């Protein structure tokens, strides 16, 4: 990588719009560093929207990936940069792009929101205000992604989970509700182990989601493989879920199929 190329990458990360403008007339906008981060990755990481617009206008690849297989959209979502997410989506960013773990940007948004929500109660009042704004932007991002006309909610990551399984595992009820509003049929999709959505809710002690699934008539013998949700509840010492399953008709005498 020559001097001008390196200067462009550093400019998009540290400096102002005018410096990037002068360099872009002379250099490939898709040049990348040793970590395979292109200028579009670095501008996104620093939340430089105007530089990002300039890069895209000059032909930068919005779907370029770094060595972790992250696109600029992965980075923007992880940092809850709402305006940049909106811009990238309008500029043709692939909403189904996967990183090295085969996580799409929706997976990233689901996890980031849950992590921030868990931390929020332990922050100072001032920090809580900032954290709440971060969460609010993440919720808007999740809605943007789910409502994208090109999103594929059926994709699995390397752990054999689709976005709904992953949402239930983490207990992200906001994302759970938005996903099933968009695609109700995902409730009946099994993961790579043959576990249903109800299995995941029971295994991870997501009682509110268990109740929702039971109302949706997801019973213990629906699309199961070897261990029923009731067996799963007992195995994970989840008494509340076991009681809820039994009260909704789970067979206490059913045997686990080997």
C-alpha atoms as a PDB file:
ATOM      1  CA  UNK A   1       0.000   0.000   0.000  1.00  0.00           C
ATOM      2  CA  UNK A   2       1.531   3.335  -1.045  1.00  0.00           C
ATOM      3  CA  UNK A   3       1.793   6.569   0.949  1.00  0.00           C
ATOM      4  CA  UNK A   4      -1.358   8.164  -0.497  1.00  0.00           C
ATOM      5  CA  UNK A   5      -3.420   5.035   0.128  1.00  0.00           C
ATOM      6  CA  UNK A   6      -2.309   4.891   3.751  1.00  0.00           C
ATOM      7  CA  UNK A   7      -3.004   8.595   4.171  1.00  0.00           C
ATOM      8  CA  UNK A   8      -6.543   8.135   2.860  1.00  0.00           C
ATOM      9  CA  UNK A   9      -7.246   5.378   5.401  1.00  0.00           C
ATOM     10  CA  UNK A  10      -5.852   7.414   8.288  1.00  0.00           C
ATOM     11  CA  UNK A  11      -7.705  10.521   7.140  1.00  0.00           C
ATOM     12  CA  UNK A  12     -11.077   8.784   7.104  1.00  0.00           C
ATOM     13  CA  UNK A  13     -10.376   7.583  10.643  1.00  0.00           C
ATOM     14  CA  UNK A  14      -8.913  10.699  12.270  1.00  0.00           C
ATOM     15  CA  UNK A  15      -9.319  13.795  10.159  1.00  0.00           C
ATOM     16  CA  UNK A  16     -11.925  16.030   8.646  1.00  0.00           C
ATOM     17  CA  UNK A  17     -14.027  15.979   5.527  1.00  0.00           C
ATOM     18  CA  UNK A  18     -11.888  18.424   3.528  1.00  0.00           C
ATOM     19  CA  UNK A  19      -8.701  16.346   3.811  1.00  0.00           C
ATOM     20  CA  UNK A  20     -10.490  13.208   2.650  1.00  0.00           C
ATOM     21  CA  UNK A  21     -11.961  15.130  -0.287  1.00  0.00           C
ATOM     22  CA  UNK A  22      -8.548  16.130  -1.600  1.00  0.00           C
ATOM     23  CA  UNK A  23      -7.190  12.586  -1.322  1.00  0.00           C
ATOM     24  CA  UNK A  24     -10.158  10.896  -2.952  1.00  0.00           C
ATOM     25  CA  UNK A  25      -9.466  12.564  -6.263  1.00  0.00           C
ATOM     26  CA  UNK A  26      -6.181  10.663  -6.405  1.00  0.00           C
ATOM     27  CA  UNK A  27      -6.662   7.271  -4.805  1.00  0.00           C
ATOM     28  CA  UNK A  28      -8.669   4.048  -4.913  1.00  0.00           C
ATOM     29  CA  UNK A  29     -11.517   4.377  -2.399  1.00  0.00           C
ATOM     30  CA  UNK A  30     -11.527   0.615  -1.809  1.00  0.00           C
ATOM     31  CA  UNK A  31      -7.937   0.380  -0.588  1.00  0.00           C
ATOM     32  CA  UNK A  32      -7.588  -1.618   2.654  1.00  0.00           C
ATOM     33  CA  UNK A  33      -5.088  -1.990   5.500  1.00  0.00           C
ATOM     34  CA  UNK A  34      -3.482  -5.127   6.959  1.00  0.00           C
ATOM     35  CA  UNK A  35      -6.717  -6.011   8.745  1.00  0.00           C
ATOM     36  CA  UNK A  36      -8.533  -5.617   5.432  1.00  0.00           C
ATOM     37  CA  UNK A  37     -10.403  -2.589   6.748  1.00  0.00           C
ATOM     38  CA  UNK A  38     -11.165  -0.233   3.886  1.00  0.00           C
ATOM     39  CA  UNK A  39     -11.765   3.488   4.217  1.00  0.00           C
ATOM     40  CA  UNK A  40     -15.497   2.780   4.447  1.00  0.00           C
ATOM     41  CA  UNK A  41     -14.927   0.606   7.545  1.00  0.00           C
ATOM     42  CA  UNK A  42     -12.838   3.299   9.223  1.00  0.00           C
ATOM     43  CA  UNK A  43     -15.213   6.140   8.419  1.00  0.00           C
ATOM     44  CA  UNK A  44     -18.076   4.063   9.823  1.00  0.00           C
ATOM     45  CA  UNK A  45     -16.177   3.200  13.006  1.00  0.00           C
ATOM     46  CA  UNK A  46     -15.575   6.906  13.677  1.00  0.00           C
ATOM     47  CA  UNK A  47     -19.181   7.805  12.819  1.00  0.00           C
ATOM     48  CA  UNK A  48     -18.024  10.110  10.006  1.00  0.00           C
ATOM     49  CA  UNK A  49     -21.236  10.235   7.994  1.00  0.00           C
ATOM     50  CA  UNK A  50     -20.127  12.985   5.601  1.00  0.00           C
ATOM     51  CA  UNK A  51     -16.886  11.172   4.782  1.00  0.00           C
ATOM     52  CA  UNK A  52     -18.883   7.989   4.273  1.00  0.00           C
ATOM     53  CA  UNK A  53     -21.188   9.772   1.833  1.00  0.00           C
ATOM     54  CA  UNK A  54     -18.169  11.042  -0.049  1.00  0.00           C
ATOM     55  CA  UNK A  55     -16.633   7.564  -0.235  1.00  0.00           C
ATOM     56  CA  UNK A  56     -19.844   6.012  -1.537  1.00  0.00           C
ATOM     57  CA  UNK A  57     -20.272   8.803  -4.080  1.00  0.00           C
ATOM     58  CA  UNK A  58     -16.762   7.997  -5.331  1.00  0.00           C
ATOM     59  CA  UNK A  59     -17.645   4.314  -5.769  1.00  0.00           C
ATOM     60  CA  UNK A  60     -16.615   2.722  -2.468  1.00  0.00           C
ATOM     61  CA  UNK A  61     -17.896  -0.836  -2.036  1.00  0.00           C
ATOM     62  CA  UNK A  62     -20.474  -0.686   0.784  1.00  0.00           C
ATOM     63  CA  UNK A  63     -20.275  -4.473   1.161  1.00  0.00           C
ATOM     64  CA  UNK A  64     -16.492  -4.724   1.492  1.00  0.00           C
ATOM     65  CA  UNK A  65     -15.419  -7.083   4.292  1.00  0.00           C
ATOM     66  CA  UNK A  66     -12.467  -6.973   6.671  1.00  0.00           C
ATOM     67  CA  UNK A  67     -10.539  -9.985   7.992  1.00  0.00           C
ATOM     68  CA  UNK A  68     -13.386 -10.700  10.434  1.00  0.00           C
ATOM     69  CA  UNK A  69     -15.807 -10.726   7.501  1.00  0.00           C
ATOM     70  CA  UNK A  70     -17.478  -7.600   8.850  1.00  0.00           C
ATOM     71  CA  UNK A  71     -19.047  -5.072   6.535  1.00  0.00           C
ATOM     72  CA  UNK A  72     -19.478  -1.406   7.410  1.00  0.00           C
ATOM     73  CA  UNK A  73     -23.079  -2.270   8.282  1.00  0.00           C
ATOM     74  CA  UNK A  74     -21.908  -4.749  10.951  1.00  0.00           C
ATOM     75  CA  UNK A  75     -19.795  -1.996  12.511  1.00  0.00           C
ATOM     76  CA  UNK A  76     -22.539   0.625  12.330  1.00  0.00           C
ATOM     77  CA  UNK A  77     -25.104  -1.688  13.917  1.00  0.00           C
ATOM     78  CA  UNK A  78     -22.738  -2.762  16.695  1.00  0.00           C
ATOM     79  CA  UNK A  79     -22.229   0.898  17.611  1.00  0.00           C
ATOM     80  CA  UNK A  80     -25.901   1.867  17.157  1.00  0.00           C
ATOM     81  CA  UNK A  81     -25.032   4.517  14.565  1.00  0.00           C
ATOM     82  CA  UNK A  82     -28.603   4.954  13.387  1.00  0.00           C
ATOM     83  CA  UNK A  83     -27.956   7.568  10.682  1.00  0.00           C
ATOM     84  CA  UNK A  84     -25.107   5.563   9.202  1.00  0.00           C
ATOM     85  CA  UNK A  85     -27.212   2.386   9.219  1.00  0.00           C
ATOM     86  CA  UNK A  86     -29.957   4.260   7.360  1.00  0.00           C
ATOM     87  CA  UNK A  87     -27.467   5.625   4.841  1.00  0.00           C
ATOM     88  CA  UNK A  88     -25.774   2.270   4.224  1.00  0.00           C
ATOM     89  CA  UNK A  89     -29.093   0.504   3.706  1.00  0.00           C
ATOM     90  CA  UNK A  90     -30.159   3.163   1.197  1.00  0.00           C
ATOM     91  CA  UNK A  91     -26.775   2.781  -0.517  1.00  0.00           C
ATOM     92  CA  UNK A  92     -27.218  -0.939  -1.135  1.00  0.00           C
ATOM     93  CA  UNK A  93     -25.601  -2.524   1.924  1.00  0.00           C
ATOM     94  CA  UNK A  94     -26.407  -6.236   2.144  1.00  0.00           C
ATOM     95  CA  UNK A  95     -28.674  -6.739   5.159  1.00  0.00           C
ATOM     96  CA  UNK A  96     -27.965 -10.495   5.001  1.00  0.00           C
ATOM     97  CA  UNK A  97     -24.159 -10.229   4.993  1.00  0.00           C
ATOM     98  CA  UNK A  98     -22.527 -12.602   7.488  1.00  0.00           C
ATOM     99  CA  UNK A  99     -19.410 -12.120   9.586  1.00  0.00           C
ATOM    100  CA  UNK A 100     -16.883 -14.827  10.489  1.00  0.00           C
ATOM    101  CA  UNK A 101     -19.405 -16.419  12.878  1.00  0.00           C
ATOM    102  CA  UNK A 102     -22.087 -16.338  10.177  1.00  0.00           C
ATOM    103  CA  UNK A 103     -23.956 -13.712  12.198  1.00  0.00           C
ATOM    104  CA  UNK A 104     -25.945 -11.252  10.120  1.00  0.00           C
ATOM    105  CA  UNK A 105     -26.303  -7.637  11.210  1.00  0.00           C
ATOM    106  CA  UNK A 106     -29.641  -8.517  12.836  1.00  0.00           C
ATOM    107  CA  UNK A 107     -27.870 -11.021  15.107  1.00  0.00           C
ATOM    108  CA  UNK A 108     -25.428  -8.251  16.058  1.00  0.00           C
ATOM    109  CA  UNK A 109     -28.244  -5.806  16.817  1.00  0.00           C
ATOM    110  CA  UNK A 110     -30.099  -8.372  18.941  1.00  0.00           C
ATOM    111  CA  UNK A 111     -27.019  -9.135  21.057  1.00  0.00           C
ATOM    112  CA  UNK A 112     -25.903  -5.517  21.426  1.00  0.00           C
ATOM    113  CA  UNK A 113     -29.357  -4.430  22.606  1.00  0.00           C
ATOM    114  CA  UNK A 114     -29.554  -7.259  25.138  1.00  0.00           C
ATOM    115  CA  UNK A 115     -26.041  -6.550  26.458  1.00  0.00           C
ATOM    116  CA  UNK A 116     -26.786  -2.845  26.873  1.00  0.00           C
ATOM    117  CA  UNK A 117     -30.147  -3.546  28.528  1.00  0.00           C
ATOM    118  CA  UNK A 118     -28.439  -5.815  31.060  1.00  0.00           C
ATOM    119  CA  UNK A 119     -25.887  -3.136  31.950  1.00  0.00           C
ATOM    120  CA  UNK A 120     -28.321  -0.208  32.111  1.00  0.00           C
ATOM    121  CA  UNK A 121     -29.678  -0.719  35.701  1.00  0.00           C
ATOM    122  CA  UNK A 122     -26.134  -0.697  37.114  1.00  0.00           C
ATOM    123  CA  UNK A 123     -25.170   2.685  35.651  1.00  0.00           C
ATOM    124  CA  UNK A 124     -25.317   6.148  37.177  1.00  0.00           C
ATOM    125  CA  UNK A 125     -28.298   8.358  36.351  1.00  0.00           C
ATOM    126  CA  UNK A 126     -26.280  10.304  33.785  1.00  0.00           C
ATOM    127  CA  UNK A 127     -24.913   7.129  32.219  1.00  0.00           C
ATOM    128  CA  UNK A 128     -28.397   5.622  32.130  1.00  0.00           C
ATOM    129  CA  UNK A 129     -29.654   8.508  30.000  1.00  0.00           C
ATOM    130  CA  UNK A 130     -26.903   7.903  27.441  1.00  0.00           C
ATOM    131  CA  UNK A 131     -27.428   4.147  27.570  1.00  0.00           C
ATOM    132  CA  UNK A 132     -31.180   4.532  27.084  1.00  0.00           C
ATOM    133  CA  UNK A 133     -30.640   6.643  23.968  1.00  0.00           C
ATOM    134  CA  UNK A 134     -28.268   3.937  22.700  1.00  0.00           C
ATOM    135  CA  UNK A 135     -30.959   1.292  23.310  1.00  0.00           C
ATOM    136  CA  UNK A 136     -33.621   3.424  21.638  1.00  0.00           C
ATOM    137  CA  UNK A 137     -31.470   3.741  18.517  1.00  0.00           C
ATOM    138  CA  UNK A 138     -30.815  -0.008  18.531  1.00  0.00           C
ATOM    139  CA  UNK A 139     -34.540  -0.702  18.642  1.00  0.00           C
ATOM    140  CA  UNK A 140     -35.032   1.571  15.641  1.00  0.00           C
ATOM    141  CA  UNK A 141     -32.194  -0.245  13.875  1.00  0.00           C
ATOM    142  CA  UNK A 142     -33.753  -3.646  14.609  1.00  0.00           C
ATOM    143  CA  UNK A 143     -37.037  -2.442  13.120  1.00  0.00           C
ATOM    144  CA  UNK A 144     -35.233  -1.057  10.065  1.00  0.00           C
ATOM    145  CA  UNK A 145     -33.457  -4.355   9.476  1.00  0.00           C
ATOM    146  CA  UNK A 146     -36.514  -6.552  10.012  1.00  0.00           C
ATOM    147  CA  UNK A 147     -38.622  -4.369   7.743  1.00  0.00           C
ATOM    148  CA  UNK A 148     -36.028  -4.393   4.973  1.00  0.00           C
ATOM    149  CA  UNK A 149     -37.526  -5.860   1.812  1.00  0.00           C
ATOM    150  CA  UNK A 150     -34.448  -8.015   1.229  1.00  0.00           C
ATOM    151  CA  UNK A 151     -33.903  -9.472   4.703  1.00  0.00           C
ATOM    152  CA  UNK A 152     -33.845 -13.253   5.091  1.00  0.00           C
ATOM    153  CA  UNK A 153     -34.929 -14.161   8.630  1.00  0.00           C
ATOM    154  CA  UNK A 154     -34.370 -17.882   8.034  1.00  0.00           C
ATOM    155  CA  UNK A 155     -30.557 -17.710   7.888  1.00  0.00           C
ATOM    156  CA  UNK A 156     -28.575 -19.760  10.425  1.00  0.00           C
ATOM    157  CA  UNK A 157     -25.292 -18.856  12.102  1.00  0.00           C
ATOM    158  CA  UNK A 158     -22.431 -21.250  12.890  1.00  0.00           C
ATOM    159  CA  UNK A 159     -24.164 -22.332  16.095  1.00  0.00           C
ATOM    160  CA  UNK A 160     -27.126 -23.575  14.075  1.00  0.00           C
ATOM    161  CA  UNK A 161     -29.513 -20.847  15.209  1.00  0.00           C
ATOM    162  CA  UNK A 162     -31.723 -18.529  13.210  1.00  0.00           C
ATOM    163  CA  UNK A 163     -32.468 -15.004  14.435  1.00  0.00           C
ATOM    164  CA  UNK A 164     -35.544 -16.121  16.413  1.00  0.00           C
ATOM    165  CA  UNK A 165     -33.696 -18.942  18.216  1.00  0.00           C
ATOM    166  CA  UNK A 166     -30.921 -16.458  18.998  1.00  0.00           C
ATOM    167  CA  UNK A 167     -33.373 -13.853  20.256  1.00  0.00           C
ATOM    168  CA  UNK A 168     -35.024 -16.364  22.580  1.00  0.00           C
ATOM    169  CA  UNK A 169     -31.653 -17.611  23.840  1.00  0.00           C
ATOM    170  CA  UNK A 170     -30.680 -14.065  24.836  1.00  0.00           C
ATOM    171  CA  UNK A 171     -34.148 -13.151  26.098  1.00  0.00           C
ATOM    172  CA  UNK A 172     -34.547 -10.109  23.854  1.00  0.00           C
ATOM    173  CA  UNK A 173     -38.326  -9.740  23.983  1.00  0.00           C
ATOM    174  CA  UNK A 174     -38.390  -6.596  21.840  1.00  0.00           C
ATOM    175  CA  UNK A 175     -36.680  -8.377  18.948  1.00  0.00           C
ATOM    176  CA  UNK A 176     -38.751 -11.519  19.568  1.00  0.00           C
ATOM    177  CA  UNK A 177     -42.009  -9.616  19.100  1.00  0.00           C
ATOM    178  CA  UNK A 178     -40.775  -7.770  16.018  1.00  0.00           C
ATOM    179  CA  UNK A 179     -39.509 -10.945  14.337  1.00  0.00           C
ATOM    180  CA  UNK A 180     -42.709 -12.940  14.816  1.00  0.00           C
ATOM    181  CA  UNK A 181     -44.746  -9.941  13.648  1.00  0.00           C
ATOM    182  CA  UNK A 182     -42.782 -10.117  10.400  1.00  0.00           C
ATOM    183  CA  UNK A 183     -42.640 -13.901  10.016  1.00  0.00           C
ATOM    184  CA  UNK A 184     -44.925 -15.952  12.263  1.00  0.00           C
ATOM    185  CA  UNK A 185     -43.881 -19.205  10.584  1.00  0.00           C
ATOM    186  CA  UNK A 186     -40.433 -19.001  12.209  1.00  0.00           C
ATOM    187  CA  UNK A 187     -42.056 -20.238  15.421  1.00  0.00           C
ATOM    188  CA  UNK A 188     -42.127 -23.750  13.966  1.00  0.00           C
ATOM    189  CA  UNK A 189     -38.561 -23.810  12.589  1.00  0.00           C
ATOM    190  CA  UNK A 190     -36.100 -26.130  14.365  1.00  0.00           C
ATOM    191  CA  UNK A 191     -32.442 -25.364  14.995  1.00  0.00           C
ATOM    192  CA  UNK A 192     -29.587 -27.603  13.852  1.00  0.00           C
ATOM    193  CA  UNK A 193     -30.009 -29.811  16.959  1.00  0.00           C
ATOM    194  CA  UNK A 194     -33.689 -30.316  16.247  1.00  0.00           C
ATOM    195  CA  UNK A 195     -34.691 -27.952  19.065  1.00  0.00           C
ATOM    196  CA  UNK A 196     -37.837 -25.865  18.688  1.00  0.00           C
ATOM    197  CA  UNK A 197     -38.373 -22.289  19.820  1.00  0.00           C
ATOM    198  CA  UNK A 198     -40.079 -23.661  22.931  1.00  0.00           C
ATOM    199  CA  UNK A 199     -37.023 -25.790  23.725  1.00  0.00           C
ATOM    200  CA  UNK A 200     -34.878 -22.650  23.638  1.00  0.00           C
ATOM    201  CA  UNK A 201     -37.272 -20.650  25.797  1.00  0.00           C
ATOM    202  CA  UNK A 202     -37.364 -23.401  28.429  1.00  0.00           C
ATOM    203  CA  UNK A 203     -33.636 -24.159  28.313  1.00  0.00           C
ATOM    204  CA  UNK A 204     -32.759 -20.482  28.835  1.00  0.00           C
ATOM    205  CA  UNK A 205     -35.499 -19.842  31.426  1.00  0.00           C
ATOM    206  CA  UNK A 206     -37.344 -17.211  29.373  1.00  0.00           C
ATOM    207  CA  UNK A 207     -40.675 -17.620  31.137  1.00  0.00           C
ATOM    208  CA  UNK A 208     -42.440 -14.705  29.417  1.00  0.00           C
ATOM    209  CA  UNK A 209     -41.503 -16.153  26.032  1.00  0.00           C
ATOM    210  CA  UNK A 210     -42.567 -19.651  27.155  1.00  0.00           C
ATOM    211  CA  UNK A 211     -45.990 -18.206  27.976  1.00  0.00           C
ATOM    212  CA  UNK A 212     -46.188 -16.513  24.593  1.00  0.00           C
ATOM    213  CA  UNK A 213     -45.239 -19.694  22.756  1.00  0.00           C
ATOM    214  CA  UNK A 214     -47.762 -21.758  24.679  1.00  0.00           C
ATOM    215  CA  UNK A 215     -50.467 -19.279  23.750  1.00  0.00           C
ATOM    216  CA  UNK A 216     -49.318 -19.778  20.176  1.00  0.00           C
ATOM    217  CA  UNK A 217     -50.004 -23.491  20.676  1.00  0.00           C
ATOM    218  CA  UNK A 218     -46.370 -24.554  20.556  1.00  0.00           C
ATOM    219  CA  UNK A 219     -46.777 -27.814  22.498  1.00  0.00           C
ATOM    220  CA  UNK A 220     -44.124 -30.102  23.945  1.00  0.00           C
ATOM    221  CA  UNK A 221     -44.487 -32.694  21.183  1.00  0.00           C
ATOM    222  CA  UNK A 222     -44.413 -30.227  18.308  1.00  0.00           C
ATOM    223  CA  UNK A 223     -41.520 -30.842  15.952  1.00  0.00           C
ATOM    224  CA  UNK A 224     -39.302 -32.212  18.691  1.00  0.00           C
ATOM    225  CA  UNK A 225     -36.397 -34.559  18.197  1.00  0.00           C
ATOM    226  CA  UNK A 226     -35.365 -36.429  21.371  1.00  0.00           C
ATOM    227  CA  UNK A 227     -35.878 -34.178  24.393  1.00  0.00           C
ATOM    228  CA  UNK A 228     -39.260 -32.516  24.869  1.00  0.00           C
ATOM    229  CA  UNK A 229     -39.471 -29.026  26.399  1.00  0.00           C
ATOM    230  CA  UNK A 230     -40.786 -30.641  29.603  1.00  0.00           C
ATOM    231  CA  UNK A 231     -37.744 -32.920  29.773  1.00  0.00           C
ATOM    232  CA  UNK A 232     -35.616 -29.872  29.022  1.00  0.00           C
ATOM    233  CA  UNK A 233     -37.243 -27.897  31.868  1.00  0.00           C
ATOM    234  CA  UNK A 234     -36.532 -30.695  34.349  1.00  0.00           C
ATOM    235  CA  UNK A 235     -32.983 -31.146  33.083  1.00  0.00           C
ATOM    236  CA  UNK A 236     -32.217 -27.422  33.520  1.00  0.00           C
ATOM    237  CA  UNK A 237     -33.961 -27.254  36.927  1.00  0.00           C
ATOM    238  CA  UNK A 238     -36.507 -24.792  35.567  1.00  0.00           C
ATOM    239  CA  UNK A 239     -39.484 -25.433  37.839  1.00  0.00           C
ATOM    240  CA  UNK A 240     -41.481 -22.406  36.679  1.00  0.00           C
ATOM    241  CA  UNK A 241     -41.308 -23.518  33.052  1.00  0.00           C
ATOM    242  CA  UNK A 242     -42.129 -27.126  33.994  1.00  0.00           C
ATOM    243  CA  UNK A 243     -45.238 -26.025  35.911  1.00  0.00           C
ATOM    244  CA  UNK A 244     -46.292 -23.819  33.016  1.00  0.00           C
ATOM    245  CA  UNK A 245     -45.862 -26.647  30.505  1.00  0.00           C
ATOM    246  CA  UNK A 246     -47.814 -29.125  32.641  1.00  0.00           C
ATOM    247  CA  UNK A 247     -50.633 -26.623  33.183  1.00  0.00           C
ATOM    248  CA  UNK A 248     -50.833 -26.303  29.396  1.00  0.00           C
ATOM    249  CA  UNK A 249     -51.147 -30.025  28.781  1.00  0.00           C
ATOM    250  CA  UNK A 250     -47.598 -31.402  28.704  1.00  0.00           C
ATOM    251  CA  UNK A 251     -47.569 -35.170  29.259  1.00  0.00           C
ATOM    252  CA  UNK A 252     -45.741 -35.938  32.524  1.00  0.00           C
ATOM    253  CA  UNK A 253     -45.526 -39.618  31.548  1.00  0.00           C
ATOM    254  CA  UNK A 254     -44.029 -39.090  28.110  1.00  0.00           C
ATOM    255  CA  UNK A 255     -40.711 -40.848  27.647  1.00  0.00           C
ATOM    256  CA  UNK A 256     -37.652 -39.253  26.151  1.00  0.00           C
ATOM    257  CA  UNK A 257     -36.859 -40.749  22.762  1.00  0.00           C
ATOM    258  CA  UNK A 258     -33.244 -41.830  22.392  1.00  0.00           C
END
